[in-house]
Amino acid sequence: MRNVTTTALAGTLAGALLVAAASAHADRSEWPENFTVGTASQGGTYFVYGSGWANLIADELDLSGGGEVTGGPTQNLALVHSGDVAFGLTTMGPASDAVKGESPLAPGVPMDNVCALFPMYETPFSITALSSTGITSISDIPDGARIGFGPAASTSDTYFPAILEELGVDFDRRNGGWTDLGGQLQDGLLDVIAFAAGIPIPAVSQLEVQTDVNIIEFTEEEQAKVLENFPVAPFQIPASTYTTLEEDARAVSMWNFAIARCDLPEDFVYEVTKVTMENNDKMRNVHRSAETTIPENVVHNSVLPFHPGAARWYEENGHEIDASLIK
């Protein structure tokens, strides 16, 4: 009798598991057949992170998807809002501007079809110059210096020029993809690159292999002045990030979040969030910065509404989302 009961219970349990597994993917009729993730320029962290994340989602959910080169966070907000891409990567500064209708790409148009998915990492603002220039501090940057700020309308291009102006730097502003700017720096066509990107920045790591560079930190006074005037937080670039650094470098940073169209199916976004949040080892394989792509860091978004599918996963797993922050 005991064996019959055990067998029956085992069968019931197996059936329940099959039902549960089926329900997780019960109705995919409204899911998109494919998806695109808006990233940024090649040579930057967004492109590596976003393309790798897209591949993970495509593999785990058996969909066709991939990353797309874009102008970065500001453009990604516009692309997601308009429905040109399903997902994108952005930073909290441009996101705040976008929801208020203050995006430089769409002045006066509040972007209300953009929802938060999950926290990515902090973007440090850092400065790199060739060692041969003798530039070792921000105050060393000469008047009229040719500074590369990344793609036009990117987070770096939106905030770093204003930050350096606040610190009294006079410069000639240049734009381009990070890989291209790295090549220009090495060829002597630029004096400085002002990066706002997740670390390690592939273009900086490549420069270190090919030539001697200086990674320039903020002084305490410079950092305090920037914190007072811009939507950033204090940050230390760990010495282990680059071979050039002998000790941690003082900087400032801004949080990054993955975003989604708010009109995507709730079950689809739930599964995307689940795959991402429950596979941090695979995310770290995509890019080292994903060590902070964990649910505990959802608290760093107070700007964008969370997609209901994402919010459902967080709440089911013990991470409370304020009702006012759910679309």
C-alpha atoms as a PDB file:
ATOM      1  CA  MET A   1       0.000   0.000   0.000  1.00  0.00           C
ATOM      2  CA  ARG A   2       2.826   2.328   0.901  1.00  0.00           C
ATOM      3  CA  ASN A   3       4.452   1.772  -2.522  1.00  0.00           C
ATOM      4  CA  VAL A   4       1.188   2.465  -4.336  1.00  0.00           C
ATOM      5  CA  THR A   5       0.670   5.668  -2.343  1.00  0.00           C
ATOM      6  CA  THR A   6       4.252   6.809  -2.955  1.00  0.00           C
ATOM      7  CA  THR A   7       3.914   6.113  -6.652  1.00  0.00           C
ATOM      8  CA  ALA A   8       0.637   7.988  -6.805  1.00  0.00           C
ATOM      9  CA  LEU A   9       2.093  10.959  -4.960  1.00  0.00           C
ATOM     10  CA  ALA A  10       5.116  10.948  -7.217  1.00  0.00           C
ATOM     11  CA  GLY A  11       2.849  10.912 -10.254  1.00  0.00           C
ATOM     12  CA  THR A  12       0.757  13.740  -8.856  1.00  0.00           C
ATOM     13  CA  LEU A  13       3.866  15.791  -8.090  1.00  0.00           C
ATOM     14  CA  ALA A  14       5.306  15.177 -11.536  1.00  0.00           C
ATOM     15  CA  GLY A  15       2.017  16.222 -13.096  1.00  0.00           C
ATOM     16  CA  ALA A  16       1.933  19.384 -10.997  1.00  0.00           C
ATOM     17  CA  LEU A  17       5.470  20.255 -12.052  1.00  0.00           C
ATOM     18  CA  LEU A  18       4.561  19.756 -15.684  1.00  0.00           C
ATOM     19  CA  VAL A  19       1.548  22.020 -15.269  1.00  0.00           C
ATOM     20  CA  ALA A  20       3.673  24.644 -13.521  1.00  0.00           C
ATOM     21  CA  ALA A  21       6.308  24.474 -16.230  1.00  0.00           C
ATOM     22  CA  ALA A  22       3.665  24.724 -18.920  1.00  0.00           C
ATOM     23  CA  SER A  23       1.998  27.680 -17.225  1.00  0.00           C
ATOM     24  CA  ALA A  24       5.267  29.598 -17.187  1.00  0.00           C
ATOM     25  CA  HIS A  25       5.123  29.584 -20.973  1.00  0.00           C
ATOM     26  CA  ALA A  26       1.393  28.931 -21.269  1.00  0.00           C
ATOM     27  CA  ASP A  27       0.396  31.521 -23.826  1.00  0.00           C
ATOM     28  CA  ARG A  28       3.071  32.959 -26.060  1.00  0.00           C
ATOM     29  CA  SER A  29       0.608  34.006 -28.749  1.00  0.00           C
ATOM     30  CA  GLU A  30       1.090  37.688 -27.950  1.00  0.00           C
ATOM     31  CA  TRP A  31       4.853  37.477 -27.558  1.00  0.00           C
ATOM     32  CA  PRO A  32       6.980  39.097 -30.260  1.00  0.00           C
ATOM     33  CA  GLU A  33       8.616  36.658 -32.670  1.00  0.00           C
ATOM     34  CA  ASN A  34      11.883  38.592 -32.332  1.00  0.00           C
ATOM     35  CA  PHE A  35      13.287  41.559 -30.463  1.00  0.00           C
ATOM     36  CA  THR A  36      16.049  44.141 -30.635  1.00  0.00           C
ATOM     37  CA  VAL A  37      18.051  45.740 -27.819  1.00  0.00           C
ATOM     38  CA  GLY A  38      19.259  49.310 -28.356  1.00  0.00           C
ATOM     39  CA  THR A  39      22.881  49.501 -27.120  1.00  0.00           C
ATOM     40  CA  ALA A  40      25.446  52.166 -28.134  1.00  0.00           C
ATOM     41  CA  SER A  41      28.599  52.397 -30.249  1.00  0.00           C
ATOM     42  CA  GLN A  42      30.993  49.490 -30.717  1.00  0.00           C
ATOM     43  CA  GLY A  43      33.941  49.661 -28.329  1.00  0.00           C
ATOM     44  CA  GLY A  44      31.745  50.712 -25.406  1.00  0.00           C
ATOM     45  CA  THR A  45      30.324  48.674 -22.552  1.00  0.00           C
ATOM     46  CA  TYR A  46      26.702  49.113 -23.669  1.00  0.00           C
ATOM     47  CA  PHE A  47      27.358  47.314 -26.945  1.00  0.00           C
ATOM     48  CA  VAL A  48      29.059  44.343 -25.260  1.00  0.00           C
ATOM     49  CA  TYR A  49      26.570  44.158 -22.383  1.00  0.00           C
ATOM     50  CA  GLY A  50      23.447  44.702 -24.488  1.00  0.00           C
ATOM     51  CA  SER A  51      24.402  42.307 -27.277  1.00  0.00           C
ATOM     52  CA  GLY A  52      25.369  39.594 -24.783  1.00  0.00           C
ATOM     53  CA  TRP A  53      22.174  40.059 -22.791  1.00  0.00           C
ATOM     54  CA  ALA A  54      20.097  39.868 -25.982  1.00  0.00           C
ATOM     55  CA  ASN A  55      21.781  36.583 -26.889  1.00  0.00           C
ATOM     56  CA  LEU A  56      21.083  35.180 -23.412  1.00  0.00           C
ATOM     57  CA  ILE A  57      17.383  36.075 -23.607  1.00  0.00           C
ATOM     58  CA  ALA A  58      17.108  34.706 -27.147  1.00  0.00           C
ATOM     59  CA  ASP A  59      18.708  31.415 -26.118  1.00  0.00           C
ATOM     60  CA  GLU A  60      16.777  30.954 -22.884  1.00  0.00           C
ATOM     61  CA  LEU A  61      13.370  31.885 -24.328  1.00  0.00           C
ATOM     62  CA  ASP A  62      13.909  30.367 -27.758  1.00  0.00           C
ATOM     63  CA  LEU A  63      13.415  33.640 -29.629  1.00  0.00           C
ATOM     64  CA  SER A  64      15.317  35.554 -32.273  1.00  0.00           C
ATOM     65  CA  GLY A  65      16.960  38.670 -30.850  1.00  0.00           C
ATOM     66  CA  GLY A  66      20.100  40.766 -30.846  1.00  0.00           C
ATOM     67  CA  GLY A  67      21.746  44.077 -30.034  1.00  0.00           C
ATOM     68  CA  GLU A  68      21.711  47.112 -32.320  1.00  0.00           C
ATOM     69  CA  VAL A  69      24.326  49.876 -32.523  1.00  0.00           C
ATOM     70  CA  THR A  70      22.731  53.198 -31.493  1.00  0.00           C
ATOM     71  CA  GLY A  71      23.691  56.616 -30.225  1.00  0.00           C
ATOM     72  CA  GLY A  72      23.409  55.391 -26.632  1.00  0.00           C
ATOM     73  CA  PRO A  73      21.123  56.097 -23.643  1.00  0.00           C
ATOM     74  CA  THR A  74      19.308  59.194 -24.928  1.00  0.00           C
ATOM     75  CA  GLN A  75      18.549  57.687 -28.326  1.00  0.00           C
ATOM     76  CA  ASN A  76      17.595  54.343 -26.750  1.00  0.00           C
ATOM     77  CA  LEU A  77      14.874  56.074 -24.731  1.00  0.00           C
ATOM     78  CA  ALA A  78      13.449  57.554 -27.936  1.00  0.00           C
ATOM     79  CA  LEU A  79      13.702  54.245 -29.825  1.00  0.00           C
ATOM     80  CA  VAL A  80      11.932  52.315 -27.068  1.00  0.00           C
ATOM     81  CA  HIS A  81       9.263  54.993 -26.648  1.00  0.00           C
ATOM     82  CA  SER A  82       8.508  54.993 -30.388  1.00  0.00           C
ATOM     83  CA  GLY A  83       8.459  51.191 -30.571  1.00  0.00           C
ATOM     84  CA  ASP A  84      11.424  50.954 -32.944  1.00  0.00           C
ATOM     85  CA  VAL A  85      13.120  48.575 -30.491  1.00  0.00           C
ATOM     86  CA  ALA A  86      11.645  46.424 -27.724  1.00  0.00           C
ATOM     87  CA  PHE A  87      14.425  46.957 -25.197  1.00  0.00           C
ATOM     88  CA  GLY A  88      17.246  49.387 -24.565  1.00  0.00           C
ATOM     89  CA  LEU A  89      19.876  50.472 -22.087  1.00  0.00           C
ATOM     90  CA  THR A  90      19.904  53.906 -20.471  1.00  0.00           C
ATOM     91  CA  THR A  91      21.117  55.976 -17.545  1.00  0.00           C
ATOM     92  CA  MET A  92      19.037  57.760 -14.938  1.00  0.00           C
ATOM     93  CA  GLY A  93      19.984  61.295 -16.006  1.00  0.00           C
ATOM     94  CA  PRO A  94      18.713  61.015 -19.601  1.00  0.00           C
ATOM     95  CA  ALA A  95      15.753  58.943 -18.334  1.00  0.00           C
ATOM     96  CA  SER A  96      14.715  61.739 -15.988  1.00  0.00           C
ATOM     97  CA  ASP A  97      14.912  64.262 -18.834  1.00  0.00           C
ATOM     98  CA  ALA A  98      12.911  61.975 -21.151  1.00  0.00           C
ATOM     99  CA  VAL A  99       9.940  61.420 -18.830  1.00  0.00           C
ATOM    100  CA  LYS A 100       9.742  65.181 -18.213  1.00  0.00           C
ATOM    101  CA  GLY A 101       9.693  65.919 -21.940  1.00  0.00           C
ATOM    102  CA  GLU A 102      13.149  67.452 -21.845  1.00  0.00           C
ATOM    103  CA  SER A 103      15.029  64.998 -24.064  1.00  0.00           C
ATOM    104  CA  PRO A 104      17.211  66.843 -26.593  1.00  0.00           C
ATOM    105  CA  LEU A 105      15.916  64.400 -29.229  1.00  0.00           C
ATOM    106  CA  ALA A 106      12.243  65.185 -28.589  1.00  0.00           C
ATOM    107  CA  PRO A 107      11.803  68.485 -26.708  1.00  0.00           C
ATOM    108  CA  GLY A 108       8.360  68.850 -25.194  1.00  0.00           C
ATOM    109  CA  VAL A 109       7.428  65.172 -25.692  1.00  0.00           C
ATOM    110  CA  PRO A 110       7.150  63.199 -22.417  1.00  0.00           C
ATOM    111  CA  MET A 111       8.294  59.658 -23.168  1.00  0.00           C
ATOM    112  CA  ASP A 112       5.574  57.647 -21.429  1.00  0.00           C
ATOM    113  CA  ASN A 113       6.060  54.316 -23.239  1.00  0.00           C
ATOM    114  CA  VAL A 114       9.358  53.591 -21.483  1.00  0.00           C
ATOM    115  CA  CYS A 115       9.399  51.233 -18.486  1.00  0.00           C
ATOM    116  CA  ALA A 116      12.232  50.054 -16.251  1.00  0.00           C
ATOM    117  CA  LEU A 117      13.273  46.385 -16.317  1.00  0.00           C
ATOM    118  CA  PHE A 118      16.314  45.820 -14.125  1.00  0.00           C
ATOM    119  CA  PRO A 119      19.405  47.545 -12.700  1.00  0.00           C
ATOM    120  CA  MET A 120      22.621  47.132 -14.680  1.00  0.00           C
ATOM    121  CA  TYR A 121      25.591  48.905 -13.140  1.00  0.00           C
ATOM    122  CA  GLU A 122      26.929  52.327 -12.299  1.00  0.00           C
ATOM    123  CA  THR A 123      28.525  54.366 -15.078  1.00  0.00           C
ATOM    124  CA  PRO A 124      31.661  56.097 -13.828  1.00  0.00           C
ATOM    125  CA  PHE A 125      32.744  59.339 -15.480  1.00  0.00           C
ATOM    126  CA  SER A 126      36.464  58.972 -16.160  1.00  0.00           C
ATOM    127  CA  ILE A 127      39.126  60.707 -18.227  1.00  0.00           C
ATOM    128  CA  THR A 128      41.940  59.139 -20.251  1.00  0.00           C
ATOM    129  CA  ALA A 129      44.945  60.747 -21.941  1.00  0.00           C
ATOM    130  CA  LEU A 130      48.158  59.423 -23.431  1.00  0.00           C
ATOM    131  CA  SER A 131      51.013  59.488 -20.911  1.00  0.00           C
ATOM    132  CA  SER A 132      53.105  61.316 -23.518  1.00  0.00           C
ATOM    133  CA  THR A 133      50.873  64.402 -23.191  1.00  0.00           C
ATOM    134  CA  GLY A 134      51.898  64.933 -19.571  1.00  0.00           C
ATOM    135  CA  ILE A 135      48.239  65.369 -18.585  1.00  0.00           C
ATOM    136  CA  THR A 136      47.870  63.796 -15.146  1.00  0.00           C
ATOM    137  CA  SER A 137      45.010  65.859 -13.673  1.00  0.00           C
ATOM    138  CA  ILE A 138      41.952  67.762 -14.823  1.00  0.00           C
ATOM    139  CA  SER A 139      43.736  71.039 -14.130  1.00  0.00           C
ATOM    140  CA  ASP A 140      46.503  69.923 -16.538  1.00  0.00           C
ATOM    141  CA  ILE A 141      44.099  69.858 -19.502  1.00  0.00           C
ATOM    142  CA  PRO A 142      45.219  72.794 -21.682  1.00  0.00           C
ATOM    143  CA  ASP A 143      42.861  75.451 -23.036  1.00  0.00           C
ATOM    144  CA  GLY A 144      41.396  74.391 -26.356  1.00  0.00           C
ATOM    145  CA  ALA A 145      42.136  70.702 -25.746  1.00  0.00           C
ATOM    146  CA  ARG A 146      40.504  68.375 -28.247  1.00  0.00           C
ATOM    147  CA  ILE A 147      38.254  66.182 -26.091  1.00  0.00           C
ATOM    148  CA  GLY A 148      36.231  63.195 -27.332  1.00  0.00           C
ATOM    149  CA  PHE A 149      32.906  62.856 -25.509  1.00  0.00           C
ATOM    150  CA  GLY A 150      31.543  59.756 -27.220  1.00  0.00           C
ATOM    151  CA  PRO A 151      28.518  59.548 -29.543  1.00  0.00           C
ATOM    152  CA  ALA A 152      26.402  62.691 -29.873  1.00  0.00           C
ATOM    153  CA  ALA A 153      23.547  62.802 -27.329  1.00  0.00           C
ATOM    154  CA  SER A 154      25.056  59.925 -25.302  1.00  0.00           C
ATOM    155  CA  THR A 155      25.207  60.172 -21.499  1.00  0.00           C
ATOM    156  CA  SER A 156      28.850  61.141 -21.771  1.00  0.00           C
ATOM    157  CA  ASP A 157      28.159  63.801 -24.398  1.00  0.00           C
ATOM    158  CA  THR A 158      25.149  65.123 -22.476  1.00  0.00           C
ATOM    159  CA  TYR A 159      26.797  65.519 -19.080  1.00  0.00           C
ATOM    160  CA  PHE A 160      30.600  65.424 -19.330  1.00  0.00           C
ATOM    161  CA  PRO A 161      31.038  68.697 -21.285  1.00  0.00           C
ATOM    162  CA  ALA A 162      28.941  70.523 -18.677  1.00  0.00           C
ATOM    163  CA  ILE A 163      30.916  68.850 -15.872  1.00  0.00           C
ATOM    164  CA  LEU A 164      34.248  69.943 -17.334  1.00  0.00           C
ATOM    165  CA  GLU A 165      32.944  73.456 -17.971  1.00  0.00           C
ATOM    166  CA  GLU A 166      31.900  73.594 -14.307  1.00  0.00           C
ATOM    167  CA  LEU A 167      35.500  72.651 -13.431  1.00  0.00           C
ATOM    168  CA  GLY A 168      36.882  75.444 -15.594  1.00  0.00           C
ATOM    169  CA  VAL A 169      38.132  73.387 -18.560  1.00  0.00           C
ATOM    170  CA  ASP A 170      38.100  75.073 -21.988  1.00  0.00           C
ATOM    171  CA  PHE A 171      37.912  72.537 -24.830  1.00  0.00           C
ATOM    172  CA  ASP A 172      37.174  71.719 -28.448  1.00  0.00           C
ATOM    173  CA  ARG A 173      34.307  69.203 -28.392  1.00  0.00           C
ATOM    174  CA  ARG A 174      34.521  66.081 -30.552  1.00  0.00           C
ATOM    175  CA  ASN A 175      32.082  63.168 -30.970  1.00  0.00           C
ATOM    176  CA  GLY A 176      32.323  59.605 -32.232  1.00  0.00           C
ATOM    177  CA  GLY A 177      32.164  55.964 -31.236  1.00  0.00           C
ATOM    178  CA  TRP A 178      34.498  54.905 -28.435  1.00  0.00           C
ATOM    179  CA  THR A 179      36.639  52.662 -30.630  1.00  0.00           C
ATOM    180  CA  ASP A 180      37.068  55.461 -33.179  1.00  0.00           C
ATOM    181  CA  LEU A 181      37.905  58.009 -30.486  1.00  0.00           C
ATOM    182  CA  GLY A 182      40.431  55.616 -28.956  1.00  0.00           C
ATOM    183  CA  GLY A 183      42.152  55.381 -32.325  1.00  0.00           C
ATOM    184  CA  GLN A 184      42.151  59.180 -32.655  1.00  0.00           C
ATOM    185  CA  LEU A 185      43.682  59.541 -29.191  1.00  0.00           C
ATOM    186  CA  GLN A 186      46.432  57.075 -30.055  1.00  0.00           C
ATOM    187  CA  ASP A 187      47.115  58.892 -33.353  1.00  0.00           C
ATOM    188  CA  GLY A 188      47.418  62.255 -31.611  1.00  0.00           C
ATOM    189  CA  LEU A 189      44.200  63.648 -33.115  1.00  0.00           C
ATOM    190  CA  LEU A 190      42.656  64.023 -29.645  1.00  0.00           C
ATOM    191  CA  ASP A 191      44.205  65.210 -26.385  1.00  0.00           C
ATOM    192  CA  VAL A 192      41.723  63.592 -23.998  1.00  0.00           C
ATOM    193  CA  ILE A 193      38.754  61.228 -24.000  1.00  0.00           C
ATOM    194  CA  ALA A 194      36.055  61.851 -21.384  1.00  0.00           C
ATOM    195  CA  PHE A 195      34.308  58.512 -20.883  1.00  0.00           C
ATOM    196  CA  ALA A 196      30.982  57.775 -19.278  1.00  0.00           C
ATOM    197  CA  ALA A 197      30.694  54.009 -19.641  1.00  0.00           C
ATOM    198  CA  GLY A 198      30.620  50.853 -17.571  1.00  0.00           C
ATOM    199  CA  ILE A 199      34.003  49.569 -16.516  1.00  0.00           C
ATOM    200  CA  PRO A 200      36.230  48.135 -17.739  1.00  0.00           C
ATOM    201  CA  ILE A 201      35.714  50.185 -20.904  1.00  0.00           C
ATOM    202  CA  PRO A 202      36.831  48.001 -23.822  1.00  0.00           C
ATOM    203  CA  ALA A 203      38.383  50.937 -25.686  1.00  0.00           C
ATOM    204  CA  VAL A 204      40.525  51.883 -22.650  1.00  0.00           C
ATOM    205  CA  SER A 205      41.600  48.291 -22.082  1.00  0.00           C
ATOM    206  CA  GLN A 206      42.663  48.144 -25.740  1.00  0.00           C
ATOM    207  CA  LEU A 207      44.602  51.406 -25.435  1.00  0.00           C
ATOM    208  CA  GLU A 208      46.478  50.034 -22.432  1.00  0.00           C
ATOM    209  CA  VAL A 209      47.687  47.113 -24.531  1.00  0.00           C
ATOM    210  CA  GLN A 210      48.919  49.358 -27.327  1.00  0.00           C
ATOM    211  CA  THR A 211      50.365  52.402 -25.550  1.00  0.00           C
ATOM    212  CA  ASP A 212      50.905  54.137 -22.182  1.00  0.00           C
ATOM    213  CA  VAL A 213      47.897  56.027 -20.859  1.00  0.00           C
ATOM    214  CA  ASN A 214      46.957  58.074 -17.824  1.00  0.00           C
ATOM    215  CA  ILE A 215      43.569  57.485 -16.203  1.00  0.00           C
ATOM    216  CA  ILE A 216      42.824  60.804 -14.545  1.00  0.00           C
ATOM    217  CA  GLU A 217      40.843  61.006 -11.323  1.00  0.00           C
ATOM    218  CA  PHE A 218      38.866  63.854  -9.795  1.00  0.00           C
ATOM    219  CA  THR A 219      40.351  65.654  -6.803  1.00  0.00           C
ATOM    220  CA  GLU A 220      38.204  65.700  -3.661  1.00  0.00           C
ATOM    221  CA  GLU A 221      37.313  69.334  -4.361  1.00  0.00           C
ATOM    222  CA  GLU A 222      36.413  68.624  -7.995  1.00  0.00           C
ATOM    223  CA  GLN A 223      34.311  65.646  -7.010  1.00  0.00           C
ATOM    224  CA  ALA A 224      32.415  67.671  -4.389  1.00  0.00           C
ATOM    225  CA  LYS A 225      31.687  70.444  -6.892  1.00  0.00           C
ATOM    226  CA  VAL A 226      30.330  67.977  -9.455  1.00  0.00           C
ATOM    227  CA  LEU A 227      28.190  66.184  -6.849  1.00  0.00           C
ATOM    228  CA  GLU A 228      26.655  69.522  -5.900  1.00  0.00           C
ATOM    229  CA  ASN A 229      25.697  70.459  -9.446  1.00  0.00           C
ATOM    230  CA  PHE A 230      24.830  67.226 -11.299  1.00  0.00           C
ATOM    231  CA  PRO A 231      22.633  64.086 -10.810  1.00  0.00           C
ATOM    232  CA  VAL A 232      25.585  61.833  -9.990  1.00  0.00           C
ATOM    233  CA  ALA A 233      26.955  59.878  -7.027  1.00  0.00           C
ATOM    234  CA  PRO A 234      30.504  59.437  -5.662  1.00  0.00           C
ATOM    235  CA  PHE A 235      32.397  56.471  -7.071  1.00  0.00           C
ATOM    236  CA  GLN A 236      35.803  54.788  -6.846  1.00  0.00           C
ATOM    237  CA  ILE A 237      37.194  53.039  -9.920  1.00  0.00           C
ATOM    238  CA  PRO A 238      38.881  49.941  -8.431  1.00  0.00           C
ATOM    239  CA  ALA A 239      42.596  49.669  -9.137  1.00  0.00           C
ATOM    240  CA  SER A 240      41.980  46.145 -10.432  1.00  0.00           C
ATOM    241  CA  THR A 241      39.930  47.537 -13.324  1.00  0.00           C
ATOM    242  CA  TYR A 242      42.932  48.591 -15.424  1.00  0.00           C
ATOM    243  CA  THR A 243      46.608  47.651 -15.422  1.00  0.00           C
ATOM    244  CA  THR A 244      47.425  51.377 -15.519  1.00  0.00           C
ATOM    245  CA  LEU A 245      45.866  52.057 -12.113  1.00  0.00           C
ATOM    246  CA  GLU A 246      47.994  51.494  -9.034  1.00  0.00           C
ATOM    247  CA  GLU A 247      45.243  52.531  -6.614  1.00  0.00           C
ATOM    248  CA  ASP A 248      41.529  53.267  -6.708  1.00  0.00           C
ATOM    249  CA  ALA A 249      40.648  56.379  -8.705  1.00  0.00           C
ATOM    250  CA  ARG A 250      38.131  58.937  -7.449  1.00  0.00           C
ATOM    251  CA  ALA A 251      35.234  59.567  -9.852  1.00  0.00           C
ATOM    252  CA  VAL A 252      31.478  60.160 -10.039  1.00  0.00           C
ATOM    253  CA  SER A 253      28.836  57.828 -11.467  1.00  0.00           C
ATOM    254  CA  MET A 254      25.264  57.440 -12.691  1.00  0.00           C
ATOM    255  CA  TRP A 255      23.120  54.269 -12.502  1.00  0.00           C
ATOM    256  CA  ASN A 256      22.121  52.376 -15.652  1.00  0.00           C
ATOM    257  CA  PHE A 257      18.879  50.440 -16.145  1.00  0.00           C
ATOM    258  CA  ALA A 258      17.569  48.221 -18.895  1.00  0.00           C
ATOM    259  CA  ILE A 259      14.291  49.532 -20.292  1.00  0.00           C
ATOM    260  CA  ALA A 260      11.366  48.098 -22.240  1.00  0.00           C
ATOM    261  CA  ARG A 261       8.354  49.311 -24.146  1.00  0.00           C
ATOM    262  CA  CYS A 262       5.556  49.563 -21.605  1.00  0.00           C
ATOM    263  CA  ASP A 263       3.130  47.949 -24.072  1.00  0.00           C
ATOM    264  CA  LEU A 264       5.054  44.666 -24.307  1.00  0.00           C
ATOM    265  CA  PRO A 265       3.071  41.644 -23.005  1.00  0.00           C
ATOM    266  CA  GLU A 266       3.333  41.258 -19.230  1.00  0.00           C
ATOM    267  CA  ASP A 267       4.135  37.529 -19.346  1.00  0.00           C
ATOM    268  CA  PHE A 268       6.900  38.116 -21.859  1.00  0.00           C
ATOM    269  CA  VAL A 269       8.568  40.805 -19.747  1.00  0.00           C
ATOM    270  CA  TYR A 270       8.131  38.652 -16.627  1.00  0.00           C
ATOM    271  CA  GLU A 271      10.084  35.833 -18.299  1.00  0.00           C
ATOM    272  CA  VAL A 272      12.775  38.223 -19.576  1.00  0.00           C
ATOM    273  CA  THR A 273      13.204  39.631 -16.054  1.00  0.00           C
ATOM    274  CA  LYS A 274      13.245  36.134 -14.544  1.00  0.00           C
ATOM    275  CA  VAL A 275      15.967  34.905 -16.917  1.00  0.00           C
ATOM    276  CA  THR A 276      18.099  37.980 -16.241  1.00  0.00           C
ATOM    277  CA  MET A 277      17.718  38.131 -12.470  1.00  0.00           C
ATOM    278  CA  GLU A 278      18.118  34.376 -11.921  1.00  0.00           C
ATOM    279  CA  ASN A 279      21.241  33.936 -14.066  1.00  0.00           C
ATOM    280  CA  ASN A 280      23.747  36.427 -12.702  1.00  0.00           C
ATOM    281  CA  ASP A 281      26.612  34.033 -13.399  1.00  0.00           C
ATOM    282  CA  LYS A 282      25.715  34.082 -17.095  1.00  0.00           C
ATOM    283  CA  MET A 283      25.293  37.859 -17.013  1.00  0.00           C
ATOM    284  CA  ARG A 284      28.774  38.245 -15.492  1.00  0.00           C
ATOM    285  CA  ASN A 285      30.089  36.144 -18.353  1.00  0.00           C
ATOM    286  CA  VAL A 286      28.575  38.721 -20.696  1.00  0.00           C
ATOM    287  CA  HIS A 287      30.386  41.590 -18.950  1.00  0.00           C
ATOM    288  CA  ARG A 288      32.129  41.919 -15.604  1.00  0.00           C
ATOM    289  CA  SER A 289      30.068  44.970 -14.675  1.00  0.00           C
ATOM    290  CA  ALA A 290      26.977  42.724 -14.424  1.00  0.00           C
ATOM    291  CA  GLU A 291      28.022  41.744 -10.897  1.00  0.00           C
ATOM    292  CA  THR A 292      25.670  44.563  -9.824  1.00  0.00           C
ATOM    293  CA  THR A 293      22.848  43.349 -12.103  1.00  0.00           C
ATOM    294  CA  ILE A 294      20.993  41.988  -9.092  1.00  0.00           C
ATOM    295  CA  PRO A 295      17.454  42.598  -7.790  1.00  0.00           C
ATOM    296  CA  GLU A 296      18.655  44.355  -4.627  1.00  0.00           C
ATOM    297  CA  ASN A 297      19.669  47.299  -6.804  1.00  0.00           C
ATOM    298  CA  VAL A 298      16.143  48.044  -8.069  1.00  0.00           C
ATOM    299  CA  VAL A 299      16.072  50.731  -5.365  1.00  0.00           C
ATOM    300  CA  HIS A 300      18.294  52.929  -7.542  1.00  0.00           C
ATOM    301  CA  ASN A 301      15.434  53.712  -9.921  1.00  0.00           C
ATOM    302  CA  SER A 302      13.063  56.434  -8.769  1.00  0.00           C
ATOM    303  CA  VAL A 303      12.552  57.927 -12.225  1.00  0.00           C
ATOM    304  CA  LEU A 304      10.936  55.399 -14.575  1.00  0.00           C
ATOM    305  CA  PRO A 305       7.837  53.273 -13.902  1.00  0.00           C
ATOM    306  CA  PHE A 306       8.567  49.557 -13.748  1.00  0.00           C
ATOM    307  CA  HIS A 307       6.932  47.346 -16.353  1.00  0.00           C
ATOM    308  CA  PRO A 308       4.168  45.308 -14.632  1.00  0.00           C
ATOM    309  CA  GLY A 309       5.843  42.078 -15.753  1.00  0.00           C
ATOM    310  CA  ALA A 310       9.134  43.080 -14.152  1.00  0.00           C
ATOM    311  CA  ALA A 311       7.402  44.336 -11.001  1.00  0.00           C
ATOM    312  CA  ARG A 312       5.582  41.005 -10.648  1.00  0.00           C
ATOM    313  CA  TRP A 313       8.855  39.072 -10.638  1.00  0.00           C
ATOM    314  CA  TYR A 314      10.418  41.392  -8.032  1.00  0.00           C
ATOM    315  CA  GLU A 315       7.414  41.213  -5.736  1.00  0.00           C
ATOM    316  CA  GLU A 316       7.189  37.417  -6.023  1.00  0.00           C
ATOM    317  CA  ASN A 317      10.829  37.254  -4.964  1.00  0.00           C
ATOM    318  CA  GLY A 318      10.678  39.556  -1.942  1.00  0.00           C
ATOM    319  CA  HIS A 319      11.654  42.889  -3.519  1.00  0.00           C
ATOM    320  CA  GLU A 320       8.921  45.424  -2.900  1.00  0.00           C
ATOM    321  CA  ILE A 321       8.209  47.998  -5.606  1.00  0.00           C
ATOM    322  CA  ASP A 322       6.288  51.136  -4.630  1.00  0.00           C
ATOM    323  CA  ALA A 323       2.892  51.049  -6.298  1.00  0.00           C
ATOM    324  CA  SER A 324       3.469  54.564  -7.653  1.00  0.00           C
ATOM    325  CA  LEU A 325       6.432  53.179  -9.615  1.00  0.00           C
ATOM    326  CA  ILE A 326       4.489  50.478 -11.469  1.00  0.00           C
ATOM    327  CA  LYS A 327       3.021  51.331 -14.866  1.00  0.00           C
END
